[in-house]
Amino acid sequence: MKNIKLTNQISLINKKFKKKEFYHYLKTSNLSLVIPKIKDKYMVVSQKRVPINKINYEFPSGIVEKKETTLQSAYKELREETGYKSRSKLNKIMTFYTEPGRLTTKITGYYTKDLIKISKPEKGITIHLLNQSDIFKLILNQKFNNSSHIAMFLYLIKNIKNL
């Protein structure tokens, strides 16, 4: 097995698969995500995403740093990206692998509906308050493109009571 370090948080792994074949995958950081809700609207952020070269709508999310739990990361990302903090403990939705065929990344999702504004959002990020129907339209129009965020949102609205 060959481990090629690309950055502090990404390594390319070339693992012998068969006699003359290798399986390539990326060892990557885990992620946290928060689905915030204010009254009957979900808080969504939009920002330019370089790999797809367009504005993408998504929930506040980010890398879980070393020595940080997914919960700590979720609180941090909510505050940094939106300028809001949760007044109560974030509720865990679930954890899953984002792309188990090529990445080691797991994403852990949380939700909250007990928010207070404490600062401005991070530069380059726009905040949107959207209902469920608005989010579905963005998904269908390929403006809300992160499959992990979509999966977490669908699981939340289908399985979590008292939203």
N, C-alpha and C. Protein backbone atom coordinates (compact mmCIF):
# COMPACT_ATOMS: atom_id res chain seq x y z
N MET A 1 0.85 -1.17 0.00
CA MET A 1 0.00 0.00 0.00
C MET A 1 0.90 1.24 0.00
N LYS A 2 0.54 2.20 -0.82
CA LYS A 2 1.29 3.44 -0.91
C LYS A 2 0.41 4.59 -0.44
N ASN A 3 0.95 5.43 0.46
CA ASN A 3 0.22 6.56 1.03
C ASN A 3 0.91 7.84 0.58
N ILE A 4 0.24 8.62 -0.29
CA ILE A 4 0.80 9.87 -0.81
C ILE A 4 0.08 11.02 -0.13
N LYS A 5 0.79 11.76 0.72
CA LYS A 5 0.18 12.87 1.46
C LYS A 5 0.04 14.06 0.51
N LEU A 6 -1.20 14.49 0.27
CA LEU A 6 -1.46 15.62 -0.62
C LEU A 6 -1.53 16.93 0.15
N THR A 7 -2.16 16.90 1.33
CA THR A 7 -2.23 18.06 2.23
C THR A 7 -2.23 17.51 3.65
N ASN A 8 -2.37 18.39 4.65
CA ASN A 8 -2.48 17.92 6.03
C ASN A 8 -3.69 17.04 6.25
N GLN A 9 -4.73 17.23 5.43
CA GLN A 9 -6.00 16.54 5.66
C GLN A 9 -6.39 15.55 4.56
N ILE A 10 -5.56 15.43 3.52
CA ILE A 10 -5.91 14.54 2.41
C ILE A 10 -4.70 13.70 2.00
N SER A 11 -4.90 12.39 1.92
CA SER A 11 -3.87 11.48 1.42
C SER A 11 -4.47 10.60 0.33
N LEU A 12 -3.70 10.36 -0.71
CA LEU A 12 -4.10 9.42 -1.75
C LEU A 12 -3.53 8.06 -1.38
N ILE A 13 -4.41 7.07 -1.27
CA ILE A 13 -4.01 5.72 -0.93
C ILE A 13 -4.07 4.86 -2.19
N ASN A 14 -2.95 4.21 -2.50
CA ASN A 14 -2.90 3.25 -3.62
C ASN A 14 -2.69 1.88 -2.99
N LYS A 15 -3.76 1.09 -2.96
CA LYS A 15 -3.73 -0.20 -2.29
C LYS A 15 -3.76 -1.30 -3.35
N LYS A 16 -2.85 -2.26 -3.21
CA LYS A 16 -2.83 -3.38 -4.16
C LYS A 16 -4.15 -4.12 -4.06
N PHE A 17 -4.79 -4.32 -5.20
CA PHE A 17 -6.12 -4.90 -5.26
C PHE A 17 -6.05 -6.32 -5.82
N LYS A 18 -5.43 -6.48 -6.93
CA LYS A 18 -5.19 -7.79 -7.53
C LYS A 18 -3.72 -7.83 -7.92
N LYS A 19 -3.31 -8.88 -8.58
CA LYS A 19 -1.90 -9.05 -8.91
C LYS A 19 -1.27 -7.81 -9.55
N LYS A 20 -1.93 -7.25 -10.56
CA LYS A 20 -1.37 -6.10 -11.28
C LYS A 20 -2.28 -4.88 -11.22
N GLU A 21 -3.18 -4.85 -10.24
CA GLU A 21 -4.12 -3.72 -10.13
C GLU A 21 -4.03 -3.07 -8.76
N PHE A 22 -4.32 -1.79 -8.75
CA PHE A 22 -4.37 -1.02 -7.50
C PHE A 22 -5.74 -0.37 -7.36
N TYR A 23 -6.14 -0.22 -6.12
CA TYR A 23 -7.38 0.49 -5.83
C TYR A 23 -6.98 1.83 -5.23
N HIS A 24 -7.49 2.91 -5.79
CA HIS A 24 -7.14 4.26 -5.36
C HIS A 24 -8.30 4.89 -4.61
N TYR A 25 -7.99 5.48 -3.46
CA TYR A 25 -9.01 6.23 -2.72
C TYR A 25 -8.33 7.33 -1.92
N LEU A 26 -9.15 8.29 -1.46
CA LEU A 26 -8.63 9.41 -0.68
C LEU A 26 -8.97 9.23 0.79
N LYS A 27 -7.94 9.40 1.63
CA LYS A 27 -8.16 9.44 3.07
C LYS A 27 -8.39 10.91 3.40
N THR A 28 -9.59 11.23 3.85
CA THR A 28 -10.01 12.62 4.04
C THR A 28 -10.59 12.84 5.42
N SER A 29 -10.72 14.11 5.79
CA SER A 29 -11.26 14.48 7.10
C SER A 29 -12.75 14.17 7.18
N ASN A 30 -13.22 13.97 8.41
CA ASN A 30 -14.65 13.83 8.64
C ASN A 30 -15.29 15.21 8.66
N LEU A 31 -16.60 15.23 8.52
CA LEU A 31 -17.35 16.49 8.41
C LEU A 31 -18.49 16.54 9.42
N SER A 32 -18.88 17.75 9.77
CA SER A 32 -20.09 17.96 10.56
C SER A 32 -21.02 18.84 9.74
N LEU A 33 -22.30 18.76 10.03
CA LEU A 33 -23.32 19.51 9.32
C LEU A 33 -24.41 19.88 10.32
N VAL A 34 -24.99 21.07 10.16
CA VAL A 34 -26.09 21.49 11.03
C VAL A 34 -27.25 21.93 10.15
N ILE A 35 -28.44 21.43 10.47
CA ILE A 35 -29.67 21.88 9.81
C ILE A 35 -30.40 22.75 10.83
N PRO A 36 -30.24 24.08 10.70
CA PRO A 36 -30.91 24.99 11.63
C PRO A 36 -32.30 25.35 11.13
N LYS A 37 -33.21 25.56 12.07
CA LYS A 37 -34.58 25.92 11.71
C LYS A 37 -35.03 27.08 12.59
N ILE A 38 -35.62 28.09 11.95
CA ILE A 38 -36.21 29.22 12.65
C ILE A 38 -37.69 29.24 12.28
N LYS A 39 -38.53 28.99 13.28
CA LYS A 39 -39.99 28.85 13.09
C LYS A 39 -40.24 27.78 12.04
N ASP A 40 -40.82 28.13 10.89
CA ASP A 40 -41.13 27.12 9.87
C ASP A 40 -40.16 27.16 8.69
N LYS A 41 -39.01 27.80 8.87
CA LYS A 41 -38.02 27.94 7.78
C LYS A 41 -36.68 27.32 8.18
N TYR A 42 -36.04 26.70 7.20
CA TYR A 42 -34.71 26.14 7.39
C TYR A 42 -33.68 27.18 6.97
N MET A 43 -32.60 27.27 7.72
CA MET A 43 -31.53 28.19 7.38
C MET A 43 -30.55 27.47 6.46
N VAL A 44 -30.37 28.05 5.29
CA VAL A 44 -29.49 27.50 4.27
C VAL A 44 -28.47 28.58 3.93
N VAL A 45 -27.25 28.16 3.65
CA VAL A 45 -26.23 29.11 3.21
C VAL A 45 -25.94 28.89 1.73
N SER A 46 -25.50 29.94 1.07
CA SER A 46 -25.02 29.78 -0.31
C SER A 46 -23.65 30.42 -0.42
N GLN A 47 -22.81 29.78 -1.22
CA GLN A 47 -21.45 30.28 -1.45
C GLN A 47 -20.91 29.66 -2.72
N LYS A 48 -19.92 30.31 -3.32
CA LYS A 48 -19.32 29.77 -4.54
C LYS A 48 -18.48 28.56 -4.18
N ARG A 49 -18.68 27.50 -4.93
CA ARG A 49 -17.90 26.27 -4.76
C ARG A 49 -17.00 26.11 -5.98
N VAL A 50 -15.70 26.18 -5.76
CA VAL A 50 -14.72 26.18 -6.84
C VAL A 50 -14.81 24.93 -7.73
N PRO A 51 -14.91 23.71 -7.19
CA PRO A 51 -14.93 22.53 -8.07
C PRO A 51 -16.06 22.52 -9.10
N ILE A 52 -17.21 23.10 -8.77
CA ILE A 52 -18.32 23.13 -9.73
C ILE A 52 -18.48 24.51 -10.37
N ASN A 53 -17.68 25.47 -9.92
CA ASN A 53 -17.65 26.83 -10.46
C ASN A 53 -19.01 27.51 -10.47
N LYS A 54 -19.74 27.36 -9.37
CA LYS A 54 -21.01 28.07 -9.26
C LYS A 54 -21.42 28.20 -7.80
N ILE A 55 -22.42 29.05 -7.59
CA ILE A 55 -22.99 29.23 -6.25
C ILE A 55 -23.77 27.96 -5.90
N ASN A 56 -23.52 27.44 -4.72
CA ASN A 56 -24.21 26.24 -4.26
C ASN A 56 -24.93 26.55 -2.95
N TYR A 57 -26.13 26.03 -2.82
CA TYR A 57 -26.90 26.14 -1.58
C TYR A 57 -26.65 24.87 -0.78
N GLU A 58 -26.52 25.04 0.54
CA GLU A 58 -26.23 23.90 1.41
C GLU A 58 -26.49 24.30 2.85
N PHE A 59 -26.37 23.36 3.75
CA PHE A 59 -26.48 23.65 5.17
C PHE A 59 -25.09 23.98 5.72
N PRO A 60 -25.01 24.71 6.82
CA PRO A 60 -23.71 24.97 7.42
C PRO A 60 -22.97 23.66 7.70
N SER A 61 -21.72 23.61 7.28
CA SER A 61 -20.97 22.36 7.37
C SER A 61 -19.49 22.64 7.29
N GLY A 62 -18.68 21.71 7.80
CA GLY A 62 -17.24 21.89 7.69
C GLY A 62 -16.46 20.71 8.21
N ILE A 63 -15.15 20.84 8.10
CA ILE A 63 -14.22 19.79 8.50
C ILE A 63 -14.15 19.69 10.02
N VAL A 64 -14.11 18.47 10.51
CA VAL A 64 -13.88 18.21 11.92
C VAL A 64 -12.36 18.22 12.11
N GLU A 65 -11.86 19.22 12.80
CA GLU A 65 -10.41 19.37 13.02
C GLU A 65 -9.92 18.31 14.01
N LYS A 66 -8.60 18.07 13.98
CA LYS A 66 -8.00 17.16 14.95
C LYS A 66 -8.28 17.69 16.35
N LYS A 67 -8.50 16.82 17.30
CA LYS A 67 -8.82 17.15 18.70
C LYS A 67 -10.16 17.86 18.83
N GLU A 68 -11.03 17.70 17.85
CA GLU A 68 -12.36 18.32 17.89
C GLU A 68 -13.39 17.21 17.67
N THR A 69 -14.48 17.25 18.40
CA THR A 69 -15.55 16.28 18.18
C THR A 69 -16.46 16.79 17.05
N THR A 70 -17.29 15.92 16.53
CA THR A 70 -18.23 16.35 15.50
C THR A 70 -19.19 17.39 16.05
N LEU A 71 -19.57 17.25 17.32
CA LEU A 71 -20.47 18.21 17.95
C LEU A 71 -19.81 19.58 18.08
N GLN A 72 -18.57 19.62 18.52
CA GLN A 72 -17.84 20.89 18.63
C GLN A 72 -17.70 21.55 17.25
N SER A 73 -17.40 20.75 16.26
CA SER A 73 -17.28 21.25 14.89
C SER A 73 -18.60 21.83 14.39
N ALA A 74 -19.69 21.14 14.70
CA ALA A 74 -21.02 21.60 14.25
C ALA A 74 -21.36 22.96 14.87
N TYR A 75 -21.11 23.12 16.16
CA TYR A 75 -21.33 24.42 16.82
C TYR A 75 -20.50 25.51 16.15
N LYS A 76 -19.22 25.19 15.89
CA LYS A 76 -18.29 26.15 15.29
C LYS A 76 -18.76 26.55 13.89
N GLU A 77 -19.12 25.58 13.07
CA GLU A 77 -19.54 25.87 11.70
C GLU A 77 -20.84 26.68 11.66
N LEU A 78 -21.77 26.36 12.54
CA LEU A 78 -23.01 27.13 12.63
C LEU A 78 -22.70 28.59 12.92
N ARG A 79 -21.85 28.82 13.92
CA ARG A 79 -21.50 30.19 14.32
C ARG A 79 -20.72 30.91 13.22
N GLU A 80 -19.71 30.26 12.65
CA GLU A 80 -18.87 30.91 11.63
C GLU A 80 -19.65 31.22 10.36
N GLU A 81 -20.41 30.26 9.88
CA GLU A 81 -21.07 30.43 8.58
C GLU A 81 -22.34 31.27 8.64
N THR A 82 -23.02 31.27 9.78
CA THR A 82 -24.32 31.96 9.83
C THR A 82 -24.36 33.15 10.79
N GLY A 83 -23.47 33.18 11.77
CA GLY A 83 -23.53 34.20 12.81
C GLY A 83 -24.54 33.87 13.89
N TYR A 84 -25.08 32.65 13.88
CA TYR A 84 -26.04 32.20 14.90
C TYR A 84 -25.39 31.14 15.77
N LYS A 85 -25.93 31.01 16.98
CA LYS A 85 -25.56 29.88 17.83
C LYS A 85 -26.83 29.25 18.37
N SER A 86 -26.73 27.99 18.69
CA SER A 86 -27.86 27.27 19.27
C SER A 86 -27.86 27.50 20.77
N ARG A 87 -29.02 27.85 21.30
CA ARG A 87 -29.13 28.07 22.75
C ARG A 87 -29.25 26.76 23.51
N SER A 88 -29.52 25.68 22.80
CA SER A 88 -29.62 24.37 23.43
C SER A 88 -28.69 23.40 22.71
N LYS A 89 -28.53 22.22 23.29
CA LYS A 89 -27.65 21.22 22.68
C LYS A 89 -28.18 20.82 21.31
N LEU A 90 -27.27 20.73 20.34
CA LEU A 90 -27.65 20.27 19.01
C LEU A 90 -28.13 18.82 19.09
N ASN A 91 -29.15 18.50 18.32
CA ASN A 91 -29.70 17.15 18.28
C ASN A 91 -29.06 16.37 17.13
N LYS A 92 -28.50 15.22 17.45
CA LYS A 92 -27.84 14.41 16.41
C LYS A 92 -28.88 13.76 15.50
N ILE A 93 -28.62 13.83 14.20
CA ILE A 93 -29.49 13.17 13.22
C ILE A 93 -28.94 11.78 12.94
N MET A 94 -27.73 11.72 12.40
CA MET A 94 -27.08 10.44 12.09
C MET A 94 -25.68 10.69 11.56
N THR A 95 -24.92 9.61 11.37
CA THR A 95 -23.58 9.63 10.78
C THR A 95 -23.56 8.61 9.65
N PHE A 96 -22.93 8.97 8.53
CA PHE A 96 -22.75 8.02 7.44
C PHE A 96 -21.53 8.38 6.60
N TYR A 97 -21.04 7.43 5.81
CA TYR A 97 -19.94 7.68 4.88
C TYR A 97 -20.49 8.47 3.69
N THR A 98 -19.72 9.47 3.24
CA THR A 98 -20.19 10.31 2.14
C THR A 98 -20.04 9.64 0.78
N GLU A 99 -18.95 8.93 0.57
CA GLU A 99 -18.68 8.24 -0.70
C GLU A 99 -17.73 7.09 -0.42
N PRO A 100 -18.27 5.97 0.10
CA PRO A 100 -17.41 4.88 0.58
C PRO A 100 -16.60 4.17 -0.50
N GLY A 101 -16.88 4.42 -1.76
CA GLY A 101 -16.09 3.81 -2.82
C GLY A 101 -14.78 4.52 -3.07
N ARG A 102 -14.69 5.80 -2.71
CA ARG A 102 -13.48 6.58 -3.01
C ARG A 102 -12.98 7.47 -1.88
N LEU A 103 -13.79 7.67 -0.83
CA LEU A 103 -13.39 8.55 0.27
C LEU A 103 -13.59 7.86 1.62
N THR A 104 -12.77 8.24 2.61
CA THR A 104 -12.95 7.70 3.96
C THR A 104 -13.84 8.60 4.81
N THR A 105 -14.30 9.71 4.25
CA THR A 105 -15.05 10.73 4.99
C THR A 105 -16.38 10.23 5.53
N LYS A 106 -16.61 10.54 6.82
CA LYS A 106 -17.92 10.37 7.43
C LYS A 106 -18.48 11.76 7.70
N ILE A 107 -19.78 11.91 7.58
CA ILE A 107 -20.44 13.16 7.92
C ILE A 107 -21.42 12.89 9.05
N THR A 108 -21.42 13.76 10.05
CA THR A 108 -22.36 13.66 11.16
C THR A 108 -23.25 14.88 11.13
N GLY A 109 -24.56 14.65 11.11
CA GLY A 109 -25.52 15.75 11.04
C GLY A 109 -26.21 16.01 12.36
N TYR A 110 -26.53 17.29 12.57
CA TYR A 110 -27.26 17.76 13.75
C TYR A 110 -28.34 18.72 13.30
N TYR A 111 -29.32 18.93 14.16
CA TYR A 111 -30.30 19.98 13.88
C TYR A 111 -30.62 20.74 15.16
N THR A 112 -31.13 21.95 14.94
CA THR A 112 -31.54 22.79 16.06
C THR A 112 -32.65 23.72 15.60
N LYS A 113 -33.49 24.08 16.52
CA LYS A 113 -34.53 25.10 16.24
C LYS A 113 -34.55 26.14 17.35
N ASP A 114 -33.44 26.23 18.09
CA ASP A 114 -33.33 27.15 19.21
C ASP A 114 -32.11 28.05 18.98
N LEU A 115 -32.28 29.05 18.12
CA LEU A 115 -31.16 29.87 17.65
C LEU A 115 -31.20 31.30 18.16
N ILE A 116 -30.02 31.88 18.28
CA ILE A 116 -29.89 33.29 18.61
C ILE A 116 -28.76 33.87 17.74
N LYS A 117 -29.01 35.05 17.18
CA LYS A 117 -28.00 35.70 16.34
C LYS A 117 -26.97 36.36 17.25
N ILE A 118 -25.68 36.11 16.95
CA ILE A 118 -24.60 36.68 17.78
C ILE A 118 -23.60 37.50 16.96
N SER A 119 -23.58 37.30 15.64
CA SER A 119 -22.61 38.02 14.81
C SER A 119 -23.05 37.96 13.35
N LYS A 120 -22.20 38.47 12.47
CA LYS A 120 -22.46 38.41 11.04
C LYS A 120 -21.96 37.08 10.48
N PRO A 121 -22.53 36.64 9.34
CA PRO A 121 -22.02 35.41 8.74
C PRO A 121 -20.62 35.62 8.16
N GLU A 122 -19.96 34.52 7.91
CA GLU A 122 -18.63 34.51 7.31
C GLU A 122 -18.67 35.24 5.95
N LYS A 123 -17.61 35.94 5.61
CA LYS A 123 -17.54 36.65 4.35
C LYS A 123 -17.69 35.66 3.18
N GLY A 124 -18.49 36.05 2.18
CA GLY A 124 -18.71 35.22 1.01
C GLY A 124 -19.88 34.27 1.13
N ILE A 125 -20.53 34.28 2.31
CA ILE A 125 -21.67 33.40 2.54
C ILE A 125 -22.94 34.24 2.65
N THR A 126 -24.00 33.78 1.98
CA THR A 126 -25.30 34.42 2.08
C THR A 126 -26.25 33.48 2.81
N ILE A 127 -27.04 34.04 3.71
CA ILE A 127 -28.01 33.26 4.50
C ILE A 127 -29.38 33.33 3.84
N HIS A 128 -30.07 32.19 3.80
CA HIS A 128 -31.43 32.11 3.25
C HIS A 128 -32.32 31.37 4.24
N LEU A 129 -33.53 31.85 4.44
CA LEU A 129 -34.52 31.12 5.23
C LEU A 129 -35.54 30.57 4.25
N LEU A 130 -35.59 29.24 4.15
CA LEU A 130 -36.39 28.57 3.12
C LEU A 130 -37.30 27.51 3.71
N ASN A 131 -38.45 27.35 3.11
CA ASN A 131 -39.31 26.25 3.54
C ASN A 131 -38.90 24.98 2.80
N GLN A 132 -39.49 23.89 3.19
CA GLN A 132 -39.15 22.58 2.62
C GLN A 132 -39.33 22.58 1.10
N SER A 133 -40.41 23.15 0.61
CA SER A 133 -40.69 23.20 -0.82
C SER A 133 -39.61 23.98 -1.58
N ASP A 134 -39.16 25.11 -1.00
CA ASP A 134 -38.09 25.90 -1.64
C ASP A 134 -36.81 25.08 -1.77
N ILE A 135 -36.49 24.31 -0.75
CA ILE A 135 -35.28 23.48 -0.79
C ILE A 135 -35.42 22.40 -1.87
N PHE A 136 -36.58 21.79 -1.96
CA PHE A 136 -36.78 20.78 -3.01
C PHE A 136 -36.63 21.40 -4.40
N LYS A 137 -37.11 22.61 -4.60
CA LYS A 137 -36.95 23.29 -5.90
C LYS A 137 -35.48 23.53 -6.21
N LEU A 138 -34.72 23.96 -5.20
CA LEU A 138 -33.28 24.16 -5.41
C LEU A 138 -32.59 22.85 -5.79
N ILE A 139 -32.98 21.76 -5.14
CA ILE A 139 -32.40 20.45 -5.45
C ILE A 139 -32.73 20.08 -6.91
N LEU A 140 -33.99 20.21 -7.29
CA LEU A 140 -34.41 19.86 -8.65
C LEU A 140 -33.76 20.74 -9.72
N ASN A 141 -33.46 21.98 -9.37
CA ASN A 141 -32.83 22.91 -10.30
C ASN A 141 -31.30 22.89 -10.22
N GLN A 142 -30.75 21.88 -9.56
CA GLN A 142 -29.31 21.67 -9.41
C GLN A 142 -28.60 22.89 -8.85
N LYS A 143 -29.23 23.50 -7.84
CA LYS A 143 -28.61 24.62 -7.13
C LYS A 143 -28.23 24.21 -5.71
N PHE A 144 -28.82 23.12 -5.23
CA PHE A 144 -28.51 22.53 -3.92
C PHE A 144 -27.96 21.15 -4.27
N ASN A 145 -26.62 21.04 -4.34
CA ASN A 145 -25.99 19.89 -4.99
C ASN A 145 -25.27 18.90 -4.09
N ASN A 146 -25.12 19.19 -2.84
CA ASN A 146 -24.35 18.30 -1.98
C ASN A 146 -25.21 17.11 -1.57
N SER A 147 -24.87 15.94 -2.08
CA SER A 147 -25.70 14.75 -1.84
C SER A 147 -25.78 14.37 -0.36
N SER A 148 -24.71 14.60 0.41
CA SER A 148 -24.74 14.30 1.84
C SER A 148 -25.74 15.21 2.56
N HIS A 149 -25.78 16.47 2.16
CA HIS A 149 -26.71 17.42 2.77
C HIS A 149 -28.15 17.06 2.41
N ILE A 150 -28.36 16.66 1.16
CA ILE A 150 -29.69 16.26 0.71
C ILE A 150 -30.16 15.02 1.48
N ALA A 151 -29.28 14.03 1.60
CA ALA A 151 -29.63 12.80 2.32
C ALA A 151 -29.95 13.10 3.79
N MET A 152 -29.15 13.94 4.42
CA MET A 152 -29.38 14.28 5.84
C MET A 152 -30.72 15.00 6.00
N PHE A 153 -31.01 15.92 5.09
CA PHE A 153 -32.27 16.68 5.14
C PHE A 153 -33.47 15.75 4.94
N LEU A 154 -33.40 14.86 3.96
CA LEU A 154 -34.51 13.94 3.71
C LEU A 154 -34.73 13.00 4.90
N TYR A 155 -33.65 12.52 5.50
CA TYR A 155 -33.78 11.67 6.68
C TYR A 155 -34.43 12.45 7.82
N LEU A 156 -33.98 13.68 8.01
CA LEU A 156 -34.52 14.53 9.09
C LEU A 156 -36.03 14.73 8.94
N ILE A 157 -36.46 15.16 7.78
CA ILE A 157 -37.89 15.48 7.62
C ILE A 157 -38.76 14.23 7.63
N LYS A 158 -38.20 13.09 7.29
CA LYS A 158 -38.99 11.85 7.28
C LYS A 158 -39.04 11.18 8.65
N ASN A 159 -37.98 11.32 9.44
CA ASN A 159 -37.84 10.50 10.64
C ASN A 159 -37.82 11.22 11.98
N ILE A 160 -37.62 12.49 12.00
CA ILE A 160 -37.50 13.21 13.27
C ILE A 160 -38.84 13.90 13.59
N LYS A 161 -39.35 13.60 14.73
CA LYS A 161 -40.64 14.18 15.17
C LYS A 161 -40.43 15.59 15.71
N ASN A 162 -41.51 16.35 15.76
CA ASN A 162 -41.51 17.70 16.34
C ASN A 162 -40.56 18.68 15.67
N LEU A 163 -40.51 18.64 14.35
CA LEU A 163 -39.71 19.62 13.64
C LEU A 163 -40.49 20.90 13.65
